[in-house]
Amino acid sequence: MVSGTALDVVLARVLQTGDAGGHARRALSAFPLPELAQTALDCYFRPDGLGAGPDARMRTTPRLRAAGGSPAEVLTVLGNFVEVWLAKEGHDGVVGVNYLEKIQLATAPAMFGAILAGVDHVLVGAGVPGQIPALADRLARCEPCVTRIAVEGDEQPLDHVFDPAALLAGHVPGPLRRPEVLAIVSLPVLAAYLARDEATRPDGFVIETSGAGGHSAPPRGPMRLDGAGEPVYGPRDHPDLTKMAALGLPFWLAGGQASPEAVAAARAAGAAGVQIGSAFALCEESGMARPLRRELLDRAHAGTLTVRNDPEASPTAFPFKVAELPGTVSEPEVAASRRRVCDLGFLRTPVRGPRGLVYRCAAEPVAAYVRKGGDPADTRGRRCLCNGLLATIGLAQRRPGGRVEPPLVTIGKDLSFLPRLSPDASPYTAADVVRWLAAGAGA
């Protein structure tokens, strides 16, 4: 499973840091329109990397906008193609890509890049992914498609047009395979809503509970916090798997599923299987920067690691898991010393203001947020996930004066798999995880 968020920036920064091993360039050489791939190389590739000087900063990347047709769409297509192509290289296994419905401007170009690379599944959460099945149909046929963009202040969504054939200048490859679409939901009620209409019905579901890493759905009903300041979930937030099975579509369970016993229980309850993130996020092949991964393993082994389901950290206002590690944005002094800046903007919200359409993020500078009509109270505790998560995978932006963007690390709350996979905090591989789960679950 490839994380499909911010892959345009990932590609640009990998190329700027020298593309060690030549992997990104190898994937770009397989893109169906070579001259389009060459635009990314011409713009971003630095054979010798960034260097170590104080002015060695990452070049900025264009941002997606509602008008469409921008260089940002090209880079988004290329970034998704590269990551999925590399994930599929050298084997015939199944590869999926995961998107956030919240990032609507990126959805169509990102999916098209993944489809060009032969992605098998598209998973979409963080919202109601009712548009995705129809988008998958049209993108696989290289037909123009419309994404309905929610604009705060407008009664009707804004039509955002993406034309894959025009982007490829008419050089449409042979028949493309439509990926299966899996909607990530927290409860059967949303699954039933999506399944009732052929236009919105996905090919399956991932049922993700509040223990999973990254974003999670807020509790149903009024938000209540416990003594640690985390959302309190109750019986209404536990999915009824009998209702899920009754829908007749395959589903997978996510959040605290990393054990052979959990896999067996999921299958017994009618699930097709499980989705696991944290066990792979801490393995040797993970994209997480090695020092952060080592710190997580050591602290988890020592029993000193805390993972908070922070109700304020994400600009989306969805609860977000934050691992408390020294030197990261989880430390109040690190967060306070970081200058607020919004130079990536993936979580911006389109807003209709008196001067037209603007883009607003609760993690941007407070004055800018207020100037765009936002409530300053909404900015309290917000963290820049875009810069923080890129730093977590070793692609941090460098700022004037030698400052480097600090990381923000997310992981699931249930790390009970570690004593069995890594009893002495020693490194383990993705293959170790698969062997352990499959053998214990009787697969």
Protein backbone atom coordinates (compact mmCIF):
# COMPACT_ATOMS: atom_id res chain seq x y z
CA MET A 1 0.00 0.00 0.00
CA VAL A 2 1.46 3.32 -1.12
CA SER A 3 0.63 6.51 0.75
CA GLY A 4 -0.61 8.78 -2.02
CA THR A 5 -0.46 12.11 -0.19
CA ALA A 6 2.06 14.77 -1.32
CA LEU A 7 3.77 12.50 -3.84
CA ASP A 8 4.39 15.47 -6.13
CA VAL A 9 6.56 17.05 -3.43
CA VAL A 10 8.16 13.72 -2.58
CA LEU A 11 9.26 13.25 -6.19
CA ALA A 12 10.58 16.81 -6.46
CA ARG A 13 12.56 16.50 -3.22
CA VAL A 14 13.94 13.04 -3.99
CA LEU A 15 15.25 14.41 -7.30
CA GLN A 16 16.71 17.49 -5.61
CA THR A 17 18.56 15.36 -3.07
CA GLY A 18 20.24 13.37 -5.85
CA ASP A 19 17.88 10.39 -6.25
CA ALA A 20 20.18 7.90 -4.55
CA GLY A 21 20.05 4.60 -6.41
CA GLY A 22 18.37 6.25 -9.40
CA HIS A 23 14.97 4.77 -8.50
CA ALA A 24 12.85 7.82 -9.30
CA ARG A 25 14.64 8.33 -12.61
CA ARG A 26 14.20 4.65 -13.49
CA ALA A 27 10.46 4.96 -12.91
CA LEU A 28 10.22 8.21 -14.85
CA SER A 29 11.89 6.50 -17.82
CA ALA A 30 8.84 4.19 -17.97
CA PHE A 31 6.30 7.04 -18.10
CA PRO A 32 4.27 6.82 -21.34
CA LEU A 33 5.06 10.42 -22.41
CA PRO A 34 8.86 10.84 -21.99
CA GLU A 35 8.87 14.59 -22.65
CA LEU A 36 6.46 15.11 -19.74
CA ALA A 37 8.67 13.10 -17.42
CA GLN A 38 11.64 15.13 -18.62
CA THR A 39 10.02 18.33 -17.35
CA ALA A 40 10.37 17.06 -13.78
CA LEU A 41 14.00 16.10 -14.33
CA ASP A 42 14.84 19.45 -15.91
CA CYS A 43 13.21 21.34 -13.09
CA TYR A 44 14.28 19.38 -10.01
CA PHE A 45 17.06 16.85 -10.56
CA ARG A 46 20.39 17.77 -8.94
CA PRO A 47 23.01 15.06 -9.54
CA ASP A 48 25.11 16.21 -6.59
CA GLY A 49 22.19 16.79 -4.23
CA LEU A 50 21.49 19.94 -2.26
CA GLY A 51 24.84 20.43 -0.60
CA ALA A 52 25.37 21.48 2.99
CA GLY A 53 25.40 25.28 2.81
CA PRO A 54 22.90 27.49 4.64
CA ASP A 55 21.23 28.38 1.34
CA ALA A 56 20.78 24.74 0.28
CA ARG A 57 16.98 24.75 0.33
CA MET A 58 14.44 22.64 -1.51
CA ARG A 59 12.94 24.30 -4.53
CA THR A 60 9.25 25.06 -4.04
CA THR A 61 6.63 23.12 -5.96
CA PRO A 62 3.49 24.54 -7.59
CA ARG A 63 0.21 24.19 -5.71
CA LEU A 64 -3.00 22.72 -7.01
CA ARG A 65 -5.79 25.21 -7.56
CA ALA A 66 -9.45 24.97 -8.49
CA ALA A 67 -8.80 26.46 -11.94
CA GLY A 68 -7.01 23.24 -12.95
CA GLY A 69 -4.55 22.64 -15.77
CA SER A 70 -1.55 23.78 -13.73
CA PRO A 71 2.01 22.37 -13.61
CA ALA A 72 1.01 21.03 -10.20
CA GLU A 73 -1.29 18.53 -11.91
CA VAL A 74 1.56 17.26 -14.08
CA LEU A 75 3.83 16.82 -11.08
CA THR A 76 1.02 15.09 -9.17
CA VAL A 77 0.51 12.60 -12.01
CA LEU A 78 4.26 11.94 -12.23
CA GLY A 79 4.73 11.57 -8.48
CA ASN A 80 1.95 9.01 -8.18
CA PHE A 81 3.12 7.13 -11.25
CA VAL A 82 6.66 6.88 -9.84
CA GLU A 83 5.67 5.56 -6.40
CA VAL A 84 3.19 2.99 -7.70
CA TRP A 85 5.50 1.87 -10.52
CA LEU A 86 8.33 1.28 -8.02
CA ALA A 87 5.98 -0.54 -5.64
CA LYS A 88 4.97 -2.91 -8.46
CA GLU A 89 8.47 -3.45 -9.81
CA GLY A 90 9.89 -6.98 -9.69
CA HIS A 91 6.83 -8.98 -8.57
CA ASP A 92 3.25 -9.80 -9.55
CA GLY A 93 1.62 -8.98 -6.20
CA VAL A 94 -1.21 -6.57 -5.58
CA VAL A 95 -0.46 -2.88 -4.94
CA GLY A 96 -2.83 -0.22 -3.68
CA VAL A 97 -2.64 3.51 -3.06
CA ASN A 98 -4.25 5.46 -0.22
CA TYR A 99 -5.72 8.97 -0.60
CA LEU A 100 -7.45 11.51 1.62
CA GLU A 101 -10.84 12.65 0.34
CA LYS A 102 -10.09 15.94 2.10
CA ILE A 103 -7.43 16.71 -0.55
CA GLN A 104 -9.97 16.94 -3.36
CA LEU A 105 -7.94 19.00 -5.84
CA ALA A 106 -5.34 16.22 -6.04
CA THR A 107 -7.70 13.27 -6.34
CA ALA A 108 -8.12 13.00 -10.12
CA PRO A 109 -4.50 13.66 -11.23
CA ALA A 110 -3.15 11.50 -8.40
CA MET A 111 -5.44 8.59 -9.30
CA PHE A 112 -4.58 8.92 -12.97
CA GLY A 113 -0.85 8.69 -12.28
CA ALA A 114 -1.44 5.58 -10.18
CA ILE A 115 -3.68 4.03 -12.87
CA LEU A 116 -1.01 4.65 -15.51
CA ALA A 117 1.37 2.65 -13.32
CA GLY A 118 -1.11 -0.24 -13.03
CA VAL A 119 -2.37 0.24 -9.47
CA ASP A 120 -4.71 -2.54 -8.36
CA HIS A 121 -6.66 -0.82 -5.56
CA VAL A 122 -7.45 2.77 -4.60
CA LEU A 123 -8.35 3.41 -0.96
CA VAL A 124 -9.89 6.72 0.07
CA GLY A 125 -10.79 7.96 3.56
CA ALA A 126 -10.92 11.18 5.60
CA GLY A 127 -14.32 12.12 4.25
CA VAL A 128 -17.14 10.63 2.20
CA PRO A 129 -15.56 9.15 -0.95
CA GLY A 130 -18.75 8.97 -2.98
CA GLN A 131 -17.15 10.42 -6.13
CA ILE A 132 -14.28 7.95 -6.36
CA PRO A 133 -15.92 4.96 -8.14
CA ALA A 134 -17.10 7.14 -11.05
CA LEU A 135 -13.73 8.89 -11.23
CA ALA A 136 -11.99 5.52 -11.46
CA ASP A 137 -14.26 4.54 -14.36
CA ARG A 138 -13.55 7.67 -16.40
CA LEU A 139 -9.84 7.90 -15.62
CA ALA A 140 -9.27 4.30 -16.73
CA ARG A 141 -10.88 5.28 -20.06
CA CYS A 142 -8.79 8.47 -20.25
CA GLU A 143 -11.96 10.54 -20.36
CA PRO A 144 -12.41 14.02 -18.91
CA CYS A 145 -13.79 13.88 -15.41
CA VAL A 146 -15.22 16.29 -12.87
CA THR A 147 -14.44 16.38 -9.17
CA ARG A 148 -16.99 18.23 -7.06
CA ILE A 149 -14.96 20.50 -4.76
CA ALA A 150 -16.55 21.65 -1.52
CA VAL A 151 -16.07 25.42 -1.13
CA GLU A 152 -16.80 26.99 2.24
CA GLY A 153 -19.28 29.78 1.73
CA ASP A 154 -20.78 28.34 -1.46
CA GLU A 155 -24.09 26.51 -1.50
CA GLN A 156 -23.04 24.29 -4.38
CA PRO A 157 -19.74 22.47 -4.94
CA LEU A 158 -17.32 23.76 -7.54
CA ASP A 159 -16.73 21.63 -10.65
CA HIS A 160 -13.04 20.86 -11.06
CA VAL A 161 -12.28 19.39 -14.51
CA PHE A 162 -9.33 17.10 -15.21
CA ASP A 163 -8.68 15.82 -18.74
CA PRO A 164 -6.13 12.98 -18.77
CA ALA A 165 -5.93 12.77 -22.57
CA ALA A 166 -5.13 16.48 -22.81
CA LEU A 167 -2.42 16.15 -20.16
CA LEU A 168 -0.81 13.38 -22.24
CA ALA A 169 -1.12 15.54 -25.37
CA GLY A 170 -3.18 12.85 -27.05
CA HIS A 171 -0.57 10.13 -26.47
CA VAL A 172 -3.05 7.89 -24.69
CA PRO A 173 -1.56 4.47 -23.84
CA GLY A 174 -3.34 1.21 -24.55
CA PRO A 175 -6.33 0.08 -22.48
CA LEU A 176 -5.89 0.95 -18.82
CA ARG A 177 -7.20 -1.25 -16.05
CA ARG A 178 -9.69 0.24 -13.64
CA PRO A 179 -8.53 -0.30 -10.05
CA GLU A 180 -10.91 -1.57 -7.41
CA VAL A 181 -12.07 1.20 -5.08
CA LEU A 182 -12.15 0.64 -1.32
CA ALA A 183 -13.80 3.25 0.88
CA ILE A 184 -12.27 3.78 4.32
CA VAL A 185 -15.06 4.28 6.85
CA SER A 186 -15.40 3.97 10.60
CA LEU A 187 -18.96 2.64 10.88
CA PRO A 188 -21.45 0.59 8.84
CA VAL A 189 -23.85 3.55 8.57
CA LEU A 190 -21.54 5.34 6.12
CA ALA A 191 -20.80 2.09 4.30
CA ALA A 192 -24.55 1.50 3.85
CA TYR A 193 -25.00 5.06 2.54
CA LEU A 194 -22.31 4.55 -0.10
CA ALA A 195 -23.46 1.06 -1.05
CA ARG A 196 -27.08 1.97 -1.72
CA ASP A 197 -26.37 3.82 -5.00
CA GLU A 198 -24.51 2.27 -7.92
CA ALA A 199 -22.77 5.59 -8.64
CA THR A 200 -21.20 5.77 -5.17
CA ARG A 201 -20.87 2.06 -4.40
CA PRO A 202 -17.23 1.03 -3.93
CA ASP A 203 -15.84 -2.45 -4.52
CA GLY A 204 -15.27 -2.91 -0.80
CA PHE A 205 -14.57 -1.19 2.50
CA VAL A 206 -11.87 -0.74 5.09
CA ILE A 207 -13.39 -0.37 8.57
CA GLU A 208 -10.89 1.74 10.49
CA THR A 209 -11.20 2.20 14.25
CA SER A 210 -9.87 5.08 16.33
CA GLY A 211 -6.68 3.20 17.28
CA ALA A 212 -5.20 3.38 13.77
CA GLY A 213 -2.32 5.74 13.04
CA GLY A 214 -2.80 9.08 11.34
CA HIS A 215 -6.28 10.59 11.18
CA SER A 216 -9.33 8.95 12.68
CA ALA A 217 -13.00 9.80 12.72
CA PRO A 218 -14.17 11.82 15.73
CA PRO A 219 -16.48 10.14 18.23
CA ARG A 220 -20.18 10.16 17.45
CA GLY A 221 -22.07 12.79 19.39
CA PRO A 222 -20.58 15.70 21.35
CA MET A 223 -16.80 15.67 21.68
CA ARG A 224 -15.67 14.67 25.18
CA LEU A 225 -12.03 14.50 26.27
CA ASP A 226 -10.47 12.28 28.90
CA GLY A 227 -7.94 13.36 31.51
CA ALA A 228 -5.13 13.22 28.96
CA GLY A 229 -7.04 15.48 26.56
CA GLU A 230 -7.89 12.71 24.11
CA PRO A 231 -11.33 12.06 22.56
CA VAL A 232 -13.51 9.58 24.40
CA TYR A 233 -15.03 6.86 22.21
CA GLY A 234 -18.05 4.86 23.32
CA PRO A 235 -20.22 1.93 22.25
CA ARG A 236 -21.69 3.89 19.33
CA ASP A 237 -18.20 4.08 17.81
CA HIS A 238 -17.69 0.31 17.63
CA PRO A 239 -18.59 -1.09 14.19
CA ASP A 240 -21.26 -3.77 14.00
CA LEU A 241 -19.58 -6.32 11.74
CA THR A 242 -22.83 -8.22 11.26
CA LYS A 243 -24.21 -5.14 9.48
CA MET A 244 -21.03 -4.87 7.43
CA ALA A 245 -21.28 -8.46 6.28
CA ALA A 246 -24.94 -7.94 5.37
CA LEU A 247 -23.97 -5.35 2.74
CA GLY A 248 -22.52 -8.15 0.61
CA LEU A 249 -19.27 -6.33 -0.19
CA PRO A 250 -15.82 -7.41 1.01
CA PHE A 251 -14.37 -5.52 3.95
CA TRP A 252 -11.10 -5.34 5.85
CA LEU A 253 -10.53 -4.30 9.46
CA ALA A 254 -7.94 -1.66 10.39
CA GLY A 255 -6.62 -0.29 13.68
CA GLY A 256 -5.00 -2.64 16.22
CA GLN A 257 -5.13 -5.66 13.88
CA ALA A 258 -1.42 -6.61 13.93
CA SER A 259 -1.56 -10.10 15.42
CA PRO A 260 -2.33 -13.58 14.10
CA GLU A 261 -5.24 -13.73 16.53
CA ALA A 262 -6.71 -10.50 15.14
CA VAL A 263 -6.41 -11.79 11.58
CA ALA A 264 -8.19 -15.02 12.51
CA ALA A 265 -10.92 -13.13 14.40
CA ALA A 266 -11.47 -10.77 11.47
CA ARG A 267 -11.88 -13.66 9.07
CA ALA A 268 -14.25 -15.41 11.45
CA ALA A 269 -16.38 -12.24 11.60
CA GLY A 270 -16.75 -12.21 7.83
CA ALA A 271 -13.93 -9.82 6.91
CA ALA A 272 -11.77 -10.51 3.87
CA GLY A 273 -8.73 -9.67 5.97
CA VAL A 274 -7.03 -6.82 7.81
CA GLN A 275 -5.12 -3.66 7.01
CA ILE A 276 -1.93 -3.12 9.00
CA GLY A 277 0.17 0.03 9.12
CA SER A 278 2.19 0.45 12.31
CA ALA A 279 3.97 -2.91 12.17
CA PHE A 280 5.27 -2.03 8.71
CA ALA A 281 5.98 1.60 9.60
CA LEU A 282 8.55 0.33 12.12
CA CYS A 283 10.16 -2.33 9.91
CA GLU A 284 13.48 -1.95 8.11
CA GLU A 285 11.91 -1.20 4.72
CA SER A 286 9.80 1.64 6.09
CA GLY A 287 10.10 5.11 4.58
CA MET A 288 10.35 6.62 8.05
CA ALA A 289 13.76 8.18 8.74
CA ARG A 290 15.92 5.58 10.48
CA PRO A 291 16.77 7.66 13.61
CA LEU A 292 13.08 8.25 14.28
CA ARG A 293 12.27 4.60 13.75
CA ARG A 294 15.07 3.61 16.12
CA GLU A 295 13.83 6.06 18.76
CA LEU A 296 10.29 4.68 18.50
CA LEU A 297 11.49 1.09 18.90
CA ASP A 298 13.72 1.91 21.87
CA ARG A 299 11.04 3.89 23.69
CA ALA A 300 8.34 1.33 22.99
CA HIS A 301 10.63 -1.43 24.30
CA ALA A 302 11.40 0.62 27.43
CA GLY A 303 7.72 1.38 27.99
CA THR A 304 8.27 5.15 27.75
CA LEU A 305 6.55 5.83 24.42
CA THR A 306 3.30 7.81 24.45
CA VAL A 307 1.05 8.10 21.39
CA ARG A 308 -1.67 10.73 21.77
CA ASN A 309 -4.85 10.92 19.76
CA ASP A 310 -4.57 14.69 19.53
CA PRO A 311 -7.89 16.44 18.80
CA GLU A 312 -6.16 19.71 17.83
CA ALA A 313 -3.01 18.80 15.89
CA SER A 314 -4.53 18.37 12.43
CA PRO A 315 -5.81 21.39 10.46
CA THR A 316 -8.64 19.12 9.29
CA ALA A 317 -10.05 19.06 12.87
CA PHE A 318 -10.00 15.25 12.72
CA PRO A 319 -8.18 13.60 15.66
CA PHE A 320 -4.61 12.70 14.70
CA LYS A 321 -2.15 10.30 16.37
CA VAL A 322 1.09 11.96 17.47
CA ALA A 323 4.03 10.02 18.87
CA GLU A 324 5.74 12.01 21.62
CA LEU A 325 9.43 12.04 20.69
CA PRO A 326 12.19 14.51 21.57
CA GLY A 327 13.08 16.99 18.85
CA THR A 328 9.74 16.61 17.09
CA VAL A 329 6.72 18.89 16.90
CA SER A 330 5.16 16.83 19.70
CA GLU A 331 7.30 18.84 22.14
CA PRO A 332 5.62 22.16 23.01
CA GLU A 333 8.92 24.07 22.89
CA VAL A 334 9.72 22.68 19.43
CA ALA A 335 6.25 23.56 18.18
CA ALA A 336 6.46 27.05 19.70
CA SER A 337 9.87 27.77 18.15
CA ARG A 338 8.76 26.74 14.66
CA ARG A 339 7.74 29.69 12.50
CA ARG A 340 4.26 29.07 11.14
CA VAL A 341 4.37 28.79 7.36
CA CYS A 342 2.05 27.19 4.81
CA ASP A 343 4.19 26.62 1.72
CA LEU A 344 2.82 23.19 0.74
CA GLY A 345 -0.89 23.58 1.42
CA PHE A 346 -2.28 20.08 0.93
CA LEU A 347 -4.81 20.53 3.73
CA ARG A 348 -5.98 23.98 2.68
CA THR A 349 -9.73 24.53 2.38
CA PRO A 350 -11.18 26.53 -0.53
CA VAL A 351 -13.15 29.45 0.86
CA ARG A 352 -15.35 31.98 -0.92
CA GLY A 353 -14.39 35.40 0.36
CA PRO A 354 -15.27 38.95 -0.62
CA ARG A 355 -12.35 38.98 -3.09
CA GLY A 356 -13.14 35.62 -4.61
CA LEU A 357 -11.78 32.14 -3.95
CA VAL A 358 -9.01 31.85 -1.38
CA TYR A 359 -7.32 28.86 0.29
CA ARG A 360 -7.13 28.66 4.05
CA CYS A 361 -5.38 26.34 6.51
CA ALA A 362 -5.69 26.46 10.29
CA ALA A 363 -1.95 25.72 10.58
CA GLU A 364 -0.89 28.71 8.48
CA PRO A 365 0.19 32.02 10.08
CA VAL A 366 -2.64 33.17 12.32
CA ALA A 367 -2.81 36.64 10.75
CA ALA A 368 -3.19 35.14 7.27
CA TYR A 369 -5.90 32.76 8.48
CA VAL A 370 -7.86 35.59 10.09
CA ARG A 371 -7.41 37.81 7.03
CA LYS A 372 -9.13 35.10 4.99
CA GLY A 373 -12.11 35.13 7.34
CA GLY A 374 -11.03 32.39 9.73
CA ASP A 375 -11.64 32.30 13.47
CA PRO A 376 -8.33 32.62 15.38
CA ALA A 377 -9.63 30.04 17.89
CA ASP A 378 -9.45 27.44 15.11
CA THR A 379 -5.66 27.83 14.90
CA ARG A 380 -4.99 26.84 18.51
CA GLY A 381 -2.81 23.74 18.74
CA ARG A 382 -2.76 23.17 14.98
CA ARG A 383 0.42 21.67 13.51
CA CYS A 384 1.71 21.75 9.95
CA LEU A 385 1.27 18.10 9.01
CA CYS A 386 2.59 18.69 5.49
CA ASN A 387 6.05 19.86 6.54
CA GLY A 388 6.18 17.67 9.63
CA LEU A 389 5.43 14.40 7.84
CA LEU A 390 7.84 15.15 4.98
CA ALA A 391 10.52 15.68 7.63
CA THR A 392 9.58 12.30 9.13
CA ILE A 393 10.57 10.58 5.86
CA GLY A 394 13.84 12.49 5.62
CA LEU A 395 12.73 15.20 3.17
CA ALA A 396 12.59 18.21 5.50
CA GLN A 397 12.68 21.72 4.09
CA ARG A 398 15.61 23.90 5.13
CA ARG A 399 14.81 27.41 6.21
CA PRO A 400 16.86 30.63 6.21
CA GLY A 401 19.37 30.77 9.01
CA GLY A 402 20.04 27.04 8.93
CA ARG A 403 16.75 26.00 10.52
CA VAL A 404 15.32 22.66 9.43
CA GLU A 405 11.66 21.72 9.61
CA PRO A 406 11.15 19.40 12.61
CA PRO A 407 9.42 16.05 12.10
CA LEU A 408 5.96 15.08 13.28
CA VAL A 409 5.62 11.32 13.74
CA THR A 410 2.35 9.40 13.58
CA ILE A 411 1.87 5.76 14.53
CA GLY A 412 -1.00 3.62 15.81
CA LYS A 413 -1.81 3.49 19.50
CA ASP A 414 -1.62 -0.31 19.69
CA LEU A 415 2.02 -1.43 19.54
CA SER A 416 1.46 -4.75 21.28
CA PHE A 417 2.96 -6.55 18.29
CA LEU A 418 6.49 -5.31 19.10
CA PRO A 419 7.35 -7.77 21.91
CA ARG A 420 6.60 -10.62 19.51
CA LEU A 421 8.27 -9.17 16.42
CA SER A 422 11.14 -7.42 18.18
CA PRO A 423 11.47 -8.70 21.77
CA ASP A 424 14.81 -6.95 22.32
CA ALA A 425 14.05 -3.85 20.20
CA SER A 426 16.11 -5.35 17.37
CA PRO A 427 15.33 -4.51 13.72
CA TYR A 428 12.84 -6.64 11.82
CA THR A 429 11.70 -6.78 8.20
CA ALA A 430 8.39 -6.58 6.37
CA ALA A 431 8.79 -10.26 5.50
CA ASP A 432 9.05 -11.05 9.22
CA VAL A 433 5.67 -9.36 9.76
CA VAL A 434 4.00 -11.29 6.96
CA ARG A 435 5.44 -14.64 8.01
CA TRP A 436 4.37 -14.13 11.64
CA LEU A 437 0.83 -13.10 10.74
CA ALA A 438 0.31 -15.77 8.10
CA ALA A 439 1.70 -18.65 10.13
CA GLY A 440 -0.20 -17.78 13.29
CA ALA A 441 -3.46 -17.16 11.46
CA GLY A 442 -3.27 -20.46 9.63
CA ALA A 443 -2.93 -18.81 6.21
